[in-house]
PDB file of all heavy atoms in Angstrom:
ATOM      1  N   GLY A   1     111.154  97.857 127.578  1.00  0.00           N
ATOM      2  CA  GLY A   1     111.312  96.450 127.860  1.00  0.00           C
ATOM      3  C   GLY A   1     111.662  95.654 126.631  1.00  0.00           C
ATOM      4  O   GLY A   1     112.380  96.187 125.735  1.00  0.00           O
ATOM      5  N   PRO A   2     111.295  94.401 126.563  1.00  0.00           N
ATOM      6  CA  PRO A   2     111.699  93.522 125.443  1.00  0.00           C
ATOM      7  C   PRO A   2     111.215  93.964 124.092  1.00  0.00           C
ATOM      8  O   PRO A   2     111.788  93.574 123.066  1.00  0.00           O
ATOM      9  CB  PRO A   2     111.173  92.160 125.875  1.00  0.00           C
ATOM     10  CG  PRO A   2     110.105  92.435 126.867  1.00  0.00           C
ATOM     11  CD  PRO A   2     110.460  93.703 127.546  1.00  0.00           C
ATOM     12  N   GLU A   3     110.196  94.815 124.081  1.00  0.00           N
ATOM     13  CA  GLU A   3     109.649  95.211 122.759  1.00  0.00           C
ATOM     14  C   GLU A   3     110.318  96.491 122.258  1.00  0.00           C
ATOM     15  O   GLU A   3     110.042  96.977 121.173  1.00  0.00           O
ATOM     16  CB  GLU A   3     108.115  95.434 122.877  1.00  0.00           C
ATOM     17  CG  GLU A   3     107.411  94.176 123.162  1.00  0.00           C
ATOM     18  CD  GLU A   3     105.937  94.389 123.371  1.00  0.00           C
ATOM     19  OE1 GLU A   3     105.529  95.547 123.625  1.00  0.00           O
ATOM     20  OE2 GLU A   3     105.132  93.440 123.249  1.00  0.00           O
ATOM     21  N   TRP A   4     111.219  97.113 123.082  1.00  0.00           N
ATOM     22  CA  TRP A   4     111.894  98.336 122.748  1.00  0.00           C
ATOM     23  C   TRP A   4     112.662  98.167 121.367  1.00  0.00           C
ATOM     24  O   TRP A   4     113.462  97.255 121.258  1.00  0.00           O
ATOM     25  CB  TRP A   4     112.804  98.804 123.868  1.00  0.00           C
ATOM     26  CG  TRP A   4     113.344 100.167 123.655  1.00  0.00           C
ATOM     27  CD1 TRP A   4     112.627 101.272 123.379  1.00  0.00           C
ATOM     28  CD2 TRP A   4     114.660 100.589 123.719  1.00  0.00           C
ATOM     29  NE1 TRP A   4     113.456 102.387 123.278  1.00  0.00           N
ATOM     30  CE2 TRP A   4     114.753 101.973 123.516  1.00  0.00           C
ATOM     31  CE3 TRP A   4     115.875  99.884 123.961  1.00  0.00           C
ATOM     32  CZ2 TRP A   4     115.912 102.695 123.509  1.00  0.00           C
ATOM     33  CZ3 TRP A   4     117.062 100.620 123.966  1.00  0.00           C
ATOM     34  CH2 TRP A   4     117.063 102.009 123.798  1.00  0.00           C
ATOM     35  N   LEU A   5     112.409  99.044 120.471  1.00  0.00           N
ATOM     36  CA  LEU A   5     113.060  99.083 119.132  1.00  0.00           C
ATOM     37  C   LEU A   5     112.769  97.825 118.298  1.00  0.00           C
ATOM     38  O   LEU A   5     113.473  97.612 117.319  1.00  0.00           O
ATOM     39  CB  LEU A   5     114.559  99.341 119.268  1.00  0.00           C
ATOM     40  CG  LEU A   5     114.970 100.702 119.843  1.00  0.00           C
ATOM     41  CD1 LEU A   5     116.486 100.808 119.890  1.00  0.00           C
ATOM     42  CD2 LEU A   5     114.382 101.840 119.081  1.00  0.00           C
ATOM     43  N   GLN A   6     111.770  97.076 118.614  1.00  0.00           N
ATOM     44  CA  GLN A   6     111.431  95.893 117.880  1.00  0.00           C
ATOM     45  C   GLN A   6     110.282  96.318 116.872  1.00  0.00           C
ATOM     46  O   GLN A   6     109.576  97.257 117.107  1.00  0.00           O
ATOM     47  CB  GLN A   6     110.891  94.757 118.778  1.00  0.00           C
ATOM     48  CG  GLN A   6     111.938  94.239 119.758  1.00  0.00           C
ATOM     49  CD  GLN A   6     113.149  93.694 118.999  1.00  0.00           C
ATOM     50  OE1 GLN A   6     113.009  92.876 118.060  1.00  0.00           O
ATOM     51  NE2 GLN A   6     114.362  94.125 119.402  1.00  0.00           N
ATOM     52  N   PRO A   7     110.239  95.577 115.723  1.00  0.00           N
ATOM     53  CA  PRO A   7     109.154  95.915 114.825  1.00  0.00           C
ATOM     54  C   PRO A   7     107.767  95.827 115.490  1.00  0.00           C
ATOM     55  O   PRO A   7     107.550  95.023 116.381  1.00  0.00           O
ATOM     56  CB  PRO A   7     109.290  94.783 113.759  1.00  0.00           C
ATOM     57  CG  PRO A   7     110.654  94.340 113.887  1.00  0.00           C
ATOM     58  CD  PRO A   7     111.034  94.506 115.308  1.00  0.00           C
ATOM     59  N   ILE A   8     106.931  96.743 115.076  1.00  0.00           N
ATOM     60  CA  ILE A   8     105.576  96.861 115.738  1.00  0.00           C
ATOM     61  C   ILE A   8     104.439  96.214 114.971  1.00  0.00           C
ATOM     62  O   ILE A   8     103.336  96.216 115.511  1.00  0.00           O
ATOM     63  CB  ILE A   8     105.289  98.385 116.028  1.00  0.00           C
ATOM     64  CG1 ILE A   8     105.143  99.166 114.749  1.00  0.00           C
ATOM     65  CG2 ILE A   8     106.279  98.981 117.005  1.00  0.00           C
ATOM     66  CD1 ILE A   8     104.629 100.574 114.941  1.00  0.00           C
ATOM     67  N   GLN A   9     104.734  95.664 113.848  1.00  0.00           N
ATOM     68  CA  GLN A   9     103.636  95.169 112.986  1.00  0.00           C
ATOM     69  C   GLN A   9     102.793  94.075 113.737  1.00  0.00           C
ATOM     70  O   GLN A   9     101.564  94.106 113.630  1.00  0.00           O
ATOM     71  CB  GLN A   9     104.185  94.565 111.682  1.00  0.00           C
ATOM     72  CG  GLN A   9     104.683  95.620 110.706  1.00  0.00           C
ATOM     73  CD  GLN A   9     106.172  95.886 110.874  1.00  0.00           C
ATOM     74  OE1 GLN A   9     106.713  95.713 111.961  1.00  0.00           O
ATOM     75  NE2 GLN A   9     106.795  96.228 109.779  1.00  0.00           N
ATOM     76  N   GLY A  10     103.407  93.198 114.457  1.00  0.00           N
ATOM     77  CA  GLY A  10     102.630  92.169 115.193  1.00  0.00           C
ATOM     78  C   GLY A  10     101.702  92.733 116.257  1.00  0.00           C
ATOM     79  O   GLY A  10     100.581  92.353 116.389  1.00  0.00           O
ATOM     80  N   ARG A  11     102.292  93.709 116.957  1.00  0.00           N
ATOM     81  CA  ARG A  11     101.483  94.344 118.015  1.00  0.00           C
ATOM     82  C   ARG A  11     100.303  95.130 117.412  1.00  0.00           C
ATOM     83  O   ARG A  11      99.236  95.184 117.903  1.00  0.00           O
ATOM     84  CB  ARG A  11     102.320  95.245 118.866  1.00  0.00           C
ATOM     85  CG  ARG A  11     103.229  94.433 119.828  1.00  0.00           C
ATOM     86  CD  ARG A  11     104.099  95.352 120.660  1.00  0.00           C
ATOM     87  NE  ARG A  11     105.290  95.663 119.842  1.00  0.00           N
ATOM     88  CZ  ARG A  11     105.997  96.742 119.971  1.00  0.00           C
ATOM     89  NH1 ARG A  11     105.685  97.676 120.856  1.00  0.00           N
ATOM     90  NH2 ARG A  11     107.046  96.951 119.183  1.00  0.00           N
ATOM     91  N   LEU A  12     100.645  95.791 116.260  1.00  0.00           N
ATOM     92  CA  LEU A  12      99.552  96.539 115.544  1.00  0.00           C
ATOM     93  C   LEU A  12      98.432  95.645 115.053  1.00  0.00           C
ATOM     94  O   LEU A  12      97.265  95.901 115.125  1.00  0.00           O
ATOM     95  CB  LEU A  12     100.142  97.342 114.378  1.00  0.00           C
ATOM     96  CG  LEU A  12     100.877  98.611 114.761  1.00  0.00           C
ATOM     97  CD1 LEU A  12     101.616  99.182 113.502  1.00  0.00           C
ATOM     98  CD2 LEU A  12      99.960  99.647 115.325  1.00  0.00           C
ATOM     99  N   ALA A  13      98.879  94.462 114.481  1.00  0.00           N
ATOM    100  CA  ALA A  13      97.888  93.518 113.977  1.00  0.00           C
ATOM    101  C   ALA A  13      96.922  93.021 115.130  1.00  0.00           C
ATOM    102  O   ALA A  13      95.773  92.902 114.880  1.00  0.00           O
ATOM    103  CB  ALA A  13      98.582  92.333 113.336  1.00  0.00           C
ATOM    104  N   ALA A  14      97.543  92.822 116.293  1.00  0.00           N
ATOM    105  CA  ALA A  14      96.725  92.336 117.406  1.00  0.00           C
ATOM    106  C   ALA A  14      95.797  93.456 117.934  1.00  0.00           C
ATOM    107  O   ALA A  14      94.656  93.185 118.228  1.00  0.00           O
ATOM    108  CB  ALA A  14      97.631  91.878 118.543  1.00  0.00           C
ATOM    109  N   ALA A  15      96.298  94.658 118.005  1.00  0.00           N
ATOM    110  CA  ALA A  15      95.517  95.765 118.556  1.00  0.00           C
ATOM    111  C   ALA A  15      94.541  96.376 117.508  1.00  0.00           C
ATOM    112  O   ALA A  15      93.492  96.912 117.918  1.00  0.00           O
ATOM    113  CB  ALA A  15      96.466  96.851 119.049  1.00  0.00           C
ATOM    114  N   HIS A  16      94.920  96.314 116.242  1.00  0.00           N
ATOM    115  CA  HIS A  16      94.111  96.946 115.187  1.00  0.00           C
ATOM    116  C   HIS A  16      94.040  95.984 114.010  1.00  0.00           C
ATOM    117  O   HIS A  16      94.689  96.190 112.976  1.00  0.00           O
ATOM    118  CB  HIS A  16      94.744  98.260 114.773  1.00  0.00           C
ATOM    119  CG  HIS A  16      94.968  99.239 115.897  1.00  0.00           C
ATOM    120  ND1 HIS A  16      93.921  99.986 116.403  1.00  0.00           N
ATOM    121  CD2 HIS A  16      96.052  99.552 116.576  1.00  0.00           C
ATOM    122  CE1 HIS A  16      94.413 100.719 117.351  1.00  0.00           C
ATOM    123  NE2 HIS A  16      95.669 100.501 117.513  1.00  0.00           N
ATOM    124  N   PRO A  17      93.180  94.966 114.100  1.00  0.00           N
ATOM    125  CA  PRO A  17      93.098  93.943 113.029  1.00  0.00           C
ATOM    126  C   PRO A  17      92.636  94.531 111.726  1.00  0.00           C
ATOM    127  O   PRO A  17      92.808  93.873 110.689  1.00  0.00           O
ATOM    128  CB  PRO A  17      92.174  92.927 113.613  1.00  0.00           C
ATOM    129  CG  PRO A  17      91.467  93.556 114.734  1.00  0.00           C
ATOM    130  CD  PRO A  17      92.320  94.713 115.215  1.00  0.00           C
ATOM    131  N   ASN A  18      92.080  95.685 111.706  1.00  0.00           N
ATOM    132  CA  ASN A  18      91.570  96.308 110.504  1.00  0.00           C
ATOM    133  C   ASN A  18      92.679  96.868 109.619  1.00  0.00           C
ATOM    134  O   ASN A  18      92.476  97.166 108.415  1.00  0.00           O
ATOM    135  CB  ASN A  18      90.566  97.447 110.779  1.00  0.00           C
ATOM    136  CG  ASN A  18      91.134  98.506 111.708  1.00  0.00           C
ATOM    137  OD1 ASN A  18      91.860  98.098 112.647  1.00  0.00           O
ATOM    138  ND2 ASN A  18      90.838  99.740 111.453  1.00  0.00           N
ATOM    139  N   LEU A  19      93.899  97.033 110.170  1.00  0.00           N
ATOM    140  CA  LEU A  19      95.011  97.529 109.381  1.00  0.00           C
ATOM    141  C   LEU A  19      95.609  96.420 108.484  1.00  0.00           C
ATOM    142  O   LEU A  19      95.809  95.303 109.019  1.00  0.00           O
ATOM    143  CB  LEU A  19      96.095  98.053 110.289  1.00  0.00           C
ATOM    144  CG  LEU A  19      95.787  99.278 111.113  1.00  0.00           C
ATOM    145  CD1 LEU A  19      96.903  99.607 112.064  1.00  0.00           C
ATOM    146  CD2 LEU A  19      95.419 100.484 110.287  1.00  0.00           C
ATOM    147  N   ASP A  20      95.861  96.703 107.259  1.00  0.00           N
ATOM    148  CA  ASP A  20      96.537  95.678 106.400  1.00  0.00           C
ATOM    149  C   ASP A  20      98.004  95.772 106.564  1.00  0.00           C
ATOM    150  O   ASP A  20      98.541  96.684 107.232  1.00  0.00           O
ATOM    151  CB  ASP A  20      96.078  95.814 104.938  1.00  0.00           C
ATOM    152  CG  ASP A  20      96.508  97.138 104.317  1.00  0.00           C
ATOM    153  OD1 ASP A  20      97.582  97.686 104.634  1.00  0.00           O
ATOM    154  OD2 ASP A  20      95.769  97.577 103.378  1.00  0.00           O
ATOM    155  N   ALA A  21      98.745  94.876 105.927  1.00  0.00           N
ATOM    156  CA  ALA A  21     100.190  94.784 106.116  1.00  0.00           C
ATOM    157  C   ALA A  21     100.915  96.031 105.690  1.00  0.00           C
ATOM    158  O   ALA A  21     101.819  96.479 106.361  1.00  0.00           O
ATOM    159  CB  ALA A  21     100.734  93.569 105.337  1.00  0.00           C
ATOM    160  N   SER A  22     100.462  96.663 104.582  1.00  0.00           N
ATOM    161  CA  SER A  22     101.194  97.873 104.108  1.00  0.00           C
ATOM    162  C   SER A  22     100.938  99.012 105.105  1.00  0.00           C
ATOM    163  O   SER A  22     101.838  99.840 105.325  1.00  0.00           O
ATOM    164  CB  SER A  22     100.731  98.267 102.731  1.00  0.00           C
ATOM    165  OG  SER A  22      99.354  98.618 102.727  1.00  0.00           O
ATOM    166  N   GLN A  23      99.749  99.119 105.710  1.00  0.00           N
ATOM    167  CA  GLN A  23      99.504 100.153 106.733  1.00  0.00           C
ATOM    168  C   GLN A  23     100.333  99.892 107.944  1.00  0.00           C
ATOM    169  O   GLN A  23     100.912 100.845 108.546  1.00  0.00           O
ATOM    170  CB  GLN A  23      98.019 100.158 107.092  1.00  0.00           C
ATOM    171  CG  GLN A  23      97.140 100.657 105.992  1.00  0.00           C
ATOM    172  CD  GLN A  23      95.664 100.471 106.280  1.00  0.00           C
ATOM    173  OE1 GLN A  23      95.260  99.390 106.717  1.00  0.00           O
ATOM    174  NE2 GLN A  23      94.867 101.530 106.043  1.00  0.00           N
ATOM    175  N   ARG A  24     100.491  98.620 108.371  1.00  0.00           N
ATOM    176  CA  ARG A  24     101.269  98.316 109.528  1.00  0.00           C
ATOM    177  C   ARG A  24     102.771  98.625 109.268  1.00  0.00           C
ATOM    178  O   ARG A  24     103.462  99.186 110.157  1.00  0.00           O
ATOM    179  CB  ARG A  24     101.118  96.850 109.955  1.00  0.00           C
ATOM    180  CG  ARG A  24      99.711  96.571 110.506  1.00  0.00           C
ATOM    181  CD  ARG A  24      99.631  95.183 111.114  1.00  0.00           C
ATOM    182  NE  ARG A  24      99.996  94.128 110.212  1.00  0.00           N
ATOM    183  CZ  ARG A  24      99.148  93.418 109.427  1.00  0.00           C
ATOM    184  NH1 ARG A  24      97.833  93.680 109.480  1.00  0.00           N
ATOM    185  NH2 ARG A  24      99.588  92.437 108.697  1.00  0.00           N
ATOM    186  N   ASP A  25     103.225  98.346 108.060  1.00  0.00           N
ATOM    187  CA  ASP A  25     104.593  98.638 107.671  1.00  0.00           C
ATOM    188  C   ASP A  25     104.863 100.168 107.682  1.00  0.00           C
ATOM    189  O   ASP A  25     105.851 100.618 108.149  1.00  0.00           O
ATOM    190  CB  ASP A  25     104.903  98.094 106.296  1.00  0.00           C
ATOM    191  CG  ASP A  25     105.037  96.566 106.296  1.00  0.00           C
ATOM    192  OD1 ASP A  25     105.201  95.938 107.314  1.00  0.00           O
ATOM    193  OD2 ASP A  25     104.999  95.997 105.129  1.00  0.00           O
ATOM    194  N   ALA A  26     103.893 100.913 107.180  1.00  0.00           N
ATOM    195  CA  ALA A  26     104.000 102.363 107.128  1.00  0.00           C
ATOM    196  C   ALA A  26     104.031 102.963 108.552  1.00  0.00           C
ATOM    197  O   ALA A  26     104.826 103.877 108.837  1.00  0.00           O
ATOM    198  CB  ALA A  26     102.839 102.999 106.349  1.00  0.00           C
ATOM    199  N   LEU A  27     103.291 102.381 109.460  1.00  0.00           N
ATOM    200  CA  LEU A  27     103.271 102.867 110.858  1.00  0.00           C
ATOM    201  C   LEU A  27     104.618 102.482 111.569  1.00  0.00           C
ATOM    202  O   LEU A  27     105.098 103.261 112.379  1.00  0.00           O
ATOM    203  CB  LEU A  27     102.102 102.332 111.602  1.00  0.00           C
ATOM    204  CG  LEU A  27     100.757 102.954 111.242  1.00  0.00           C
ATOM    205  CD1 LEU A  27      99.609 102.173 111.809  1.00  0.00           C
ATOM    206  CD2 LEU A  27     100.750 104.462 111.626  1.00  0.00           C
ATOM    207  N   ASP A  28     105.189 101.339 111.204  1.00  0.00           N
ATOM    208  CA  ASP A  28     106.457 100.989 111.739  1.00  0.00           C
ATOM    209  C   ASP A  28     107.544 101.967 111.279  1.00  0.00           C
ATOM    210  O   ASP A  28     108.329 102.375 112.130  1.00  0.00           O
ATOM    211  CB  ASP A  28     106.827  99.526 111.342  1.00  0.00           C
ATOM    212  CG  ASP A  28     108.129  99.109 111.940  1.00  0.00           C
ATOM    213  OD1 ASP A  28     108.184  98.894 113.193  1.00  0.00           O
ATOM    214  OD2 ASP A  28     109.147  98.928 111.187  1.00  0.00           O
ATOM    215  N   VAL A  29     107.533 102.303 110.041  1.00  0.00           N
ATOM    216  CA  VAL A  29     108.501 103.300 109.483  1.00  0.00           C
ATOM    217  C   VAL A  29     108.235 104.620 110.241  1.00  0.00           C
ATOM    218  O   VAL A  29     109.240 105.278 110.632  1.00  0.00           O
ATOM    219  CB  VAL A  29     108.325 103.445 107.947  1.00  0.00           C
ATOM    220  CG1 VAL A  29     109.099 104.655 107.447  1.00  0.00           C
ATOM    221  CG2 VAL A  29     108.795 102.195 107.253  1.00  0.00           C
ATOM    222  N   LEU A  30     107.067 105.032 110.406  1.00  0.00           N
ATOM    223  CA  LEU A  30     106.744 106.338 111.061  1.00  0.00           C
ATOM    224  C   LEU A  30     107.252 106.267 112.471  1.00  0.00           C
ATOM    225  O   LEU A  30     107.850 107.287 112.987  1.00  0.00           O
ATOM    226  CB  LEU A  30     105.229 106.589 111.005  1.00  0.00           C
ATOM    227  CG  LEU A  30     104.817 107.862 111.772  1.00  0.00           C
ATOM    228  CD1 LEU A  30     105.483 109.109 111.162  1.00  0.00           C
ATOM    229  CD2 LEU A  30     103.289 108.004 111.706  1.00  0.00           C
ATOM    230  N   ALA A  31     107.071 105.158 113.196  1.00  0.00           N
ATOM    231  CA  ALA A  31     107.520 105.046 114.565  1.00  0.00           C
ATOM    232  C   ALA A  31     109.058 105.210 114.640  1.00  0.00           C
ATOM    233  O   ALA A  31     109.594 105.886 115.510  1.00  0.00           O
ATOM    234  CB  ALA A  31     107.097 103.718 115.235  1.00  0.00           C
ATOM    235  N   ARG A  32     109.757 104.538 113.749  1.00  0.00           N
ATOM    236  CA  ARG A  32     111.183 104.536 113.714  1.00  0.00           C
ATOM    237  C   ARG A  32     111.678 105.962 113.379  1.00  0.00           C
ATOM    238  O   ARG A  32     112.650 106.506 113.982  1.00  0.00           O
ATOM    239  CB  ARG A  32     111.800 103.521 112.804  1.00  0.00           C
ATOM    240  CG  ARG A  32     111.544 102.083 113.270  1.00  0.00           C
ATOM    241  CD  ARG A  32     112.019 101.063 112.327  1.00  0.00           C
ATOM    242  NE  ARG A  32     111.674  99.747 112.786  1.00  0.00           N
ATOM    243  CZ  ARG A  32     112.324  99.093 113.837  1.00  0.00           C
ATOM    244  NH1 ARG A  32     113.302  99.658 114.432  1.00  0.00           N
ATOM    245  NH2 ARG A  32     111.882  97.899 114.237  1.00  0.00           N
ATOM    246  N   GLN A  33     111.063 106.647 112.438  1.00  0.00           N
ATOM    247  CA  GLN A  33     111.416 108.015 112.098  1.00  0.00           C
ATOM    248  C   GLN A  33     111.151 108.941 113.259  1.00  0.00           C
ATOM    249  O   GLN A  33     111.985 109.863 113.522  1.00  0.00           O
ATOM    250  CB  GLN A  33     110.622 108.454 110.861  1.00  0.00           C
ATOM    251  CG  GLN A  33     110.979 107.847 109.601  1.00  0.00           C
ATOM    252  CD  GLN A  33     110.074 108.150 108.450  1.00  0.00           C
ATOM    253  OE1 GLN A  33     108.954 108.580 108.667  1.00  0.00           O
ATOM    254  NE2 GLN A  33     110.541 107.939 107.225  1.00  0.00           N
ATOM    255  N   THR A  34     110.096 108.725 113.993  1.00  0.00           N
ATOM    256  CA  THR A  34     109.742 109.596 115.168  1.00  0.00           C
ATOM    257  C   THR A  34     110.805 109.361 116.226  1.00  0.00           C
ATOM    258  O   THR A  34     111.290 110.352 116.825  1.00  0.00           O
ATOM    259  CB  THR A  34     108.324 109.212 115.692  1.00  0.00           C
ATOM    260  OG1 THR A  34     107.430 109.423 114.579  1.00  0.00           O
ATOM    261  CG2 THR A  34     107.989 110.134 116.837  1.00  0.00           C
ATOM    262  N   ILE A  35     111.239 108.189 116.485  1.00  0.00           N
ATOM    263  CA  ILE A  35     112.250 107.890 117.513  1.00  0.00           C
ATOM    264  C   ILE A  35     113.576 108.561 117.060  1.00  0.00           C
ATOM    265  O   ILE A  35     114.221 109.233 117.899  1.00  0.00           O
ATOM    266  CB  ILE A  35     112.458 106.371 117.686  1.00  0.00           C
ATOM    267  CG1 ILE A  35     111.217 105.762 118.388  1.00  0.00           C
ATOM    268  CG2 ILE A  35     113.766 106.076 118.481  1.00  0.00           C
ATOM    269  CD1 ILE A  35     111.220 104.237 118.326  1.00  0.00           C
ATOM    270  N   GLY A  36     113.949 108.499 115.806  1.00  0.00           N
ATOM    271  CA  GLY A  36     115.161 109.157 115.286  1.00  0.00           C
ATOM    272  C   GLY A  36     115.093 110.633 115.429  1.00  0.00           C
ATOM    273  O   GLY A  36     116.035 111.328 115.838  1.00  0.00           O
ATOM    274  N   ALA A  37     113.929 111.165 115.062  1.00  0.00           N
ATOM    275  CA  ALA A  37     113.723 112.639 115.185  1.00  0.00           C
ATOM    276  C   ALA A  37     113.818 113.091 116.634  1.00  0.00           C
ATOM    277  O   ALA A  37     114.345 114.184 116.931  1.00  0.00           O
ATOM    278  CB  ALA A  37     112.369 113.052 114.593  1.00  0.00           C
ATOM    279  N   GLY A  38     113.294 112.323 117.543  1.00  0.00           N
ATOM    280  CA  GLY A  38     113.400 112.654 118.999  1.00  0.00           C
ATOM    281  C   GLY A  38     114.830 112.700 119.448  1.00  0.00           C
ATOM    282  O   GLY A  38     115.209 113.646 120.180  1.00  0.00           O
ATOM    283  N   ARG A  39     115.617 111.752 119.075  1.00  0.00           N
ATOM    284  CA  ARG A  39     117.020 111.721 119.465  1.00  0.00           C
ATOM    285  C   ARG A  39     117.767 112.892 118.890  1.00  0.00           C
ATOM    286  O   ARG A  39     118.536 113.537 119.526  1.00  0.00           O
ATOM    287  CB  ARG A  39     117.680 110.432 119.028  1.00  0.00           C
ATOM    288  CG  ARG A  39     117.246 109.241 119.883  1.00  0.00           C
ATOM    289  CD  ARG A  39     118.068 108.004 119.593  1.00  0.00           C
ATOM    290  NE  ARG A  39     117.899 107.643 118.202  1.00  0.00           N
ATOM    291  CZ  ARG A  39     117.574 106.400 117.837  1.00  0.00           C
ATOM    292  NH1 ARG A  39     117.450 105.429 118.697  1.00  0.00           N
ATOM    293  NH2 ARG A  39     117.419 106.123 116.560  1.00  0.00           N
ATOM    294  N   GLU A  40     117.505 113.187 117.591  1.00  0.00           N
ATOM    295  CA  GLU A  40     118.138 114.351 116.964  1.00  0.00           C
ATOM    296  C   GLU A  40     117.758 115.666 117.609  1.00  0.00           C
ATOM    297  O   GLU A  40     118.585 116.541 117.790  1.00  0.00           O
ATOM    298  CB  GLU A  40     117.866 114.327 115.451  1.00  0.00           C
ATOM    299  CG  GLU A  40     118.549 113.261 114.693  1.00  0.00           C
ATOM    300  CD  GLU A  40     120.101 113.361 114.803  1.00  0.00           C
ATOM    301  OE1 GLU A  40     120.639 114.450 114.731  1.00  0.00           O
ATOM    302  OE2 GLU A  40     120.715 112.293 115.047  1.00  0.00           O
ATOM    303  N   ALA A  41     116.455 115.816 117.945  1.00  0.00           N
ATOM    304  CA  ALA A  41     115.957 117.015 118.520  1.00  0.00           C
ATOM    305  C   ALA A  41     116.644 117.259 119.881  1.00  0.00           C
ATOM    306  O   ALA A  41     117.091 118.324 120.182  1.00  0.00           O
ATOM    307  CB  ALA A  41     114.463 117.015 118.687  1.00  0.00           C
ATOM    308  N   LEU A  42     116.730 116.198 120.659  1.00  0.00           N
ATOM    309  CA  LEU A  42     117.372 116.290 121.976  1.00  0.00           C
ATOM    310  C   LEU A  42     118.869 116.619 121.844  1.00  0.00           C
ATOM    311  O   LEU A  42     119.410 117.454 122.540  1.00  0.00           O
ATOM    312  CB  LEU A  42     117.174 115.021 122.793  1.00  0.00           C
ATOM    313  CG  LEU A  42     117.599 115.037 124.235  1.00  0.00           C
ATOM    314  CD1 LEU A  42     116.829 116.143 125.031  1.00  0.00           C
ATOM    315  CD2 LEU A  42     117.432 113.709 124.881  1.00  0.00           C
ATOM    316  N   LEU A  43     119.569 115.951 120.913  1.00  0.00           N
ATOM    317  CA  LEU A  43     121.001 116.239 120.666  1.00  0.00           C
ATOM    318  C   LEU A  43     121.166 117.686 120.296  1.00  0.00           C
ATOM    319  O   LEU A  43     122.072 118.354 120.813  1.00  0.00           O
ATOM    320  CB  LEU A  43     121.514 115.363 119.550  1.00  0.00           C
ATOM    321  CG  LEU A  43     122.071 114.006 119.985  1.00  0.00           C
ATOM    322  CD1 LEU A  43     122.435 113.194 118.707  1.00  0.00           C
ATOM    323  CD2 LEU A  43     123.228 114.180 120.843  1.00  0.00           C
ATOM    324  N   ASP A  44     120.340 118.237 119.376  1.00  0.00           N
ATOM    325  CA  ASP A  44     120.454 119.578 118.995  1.00  0.00           C
ATOM    326  C   ASP A  44     120.233 120.557 120.180  1.00  0.00           C
ATOM    327  O   ASP A  44     121.026 121.526 120.365  1.00  0.00           O
ATOM    328  CB  ASP A  44     119.420 119.920 117.884  1.00  0.00           C
ATOM    329  CG  ASP A  44     119.746 119.262 116.574  1.00  0.00           C
ATOM    330  OD1 ASP A  44     120.876 118.832 116.389  1.00  0.00           O
ATOM    331  OD2 ASP A  44     118.893 119.229 115.718  1.00  0.00           O
TER     332      ASP A  44
END
């Protein structure tokens, strides 16, 4: 839906207020890397 491929930091902050900004940023990077790895794995 509308959140597809959008940054996740805001959603993470709402769902997990204990995470600081650097942790939310790291999880956003991990999510994007995971999506890319999924596409590459399927292509292969």
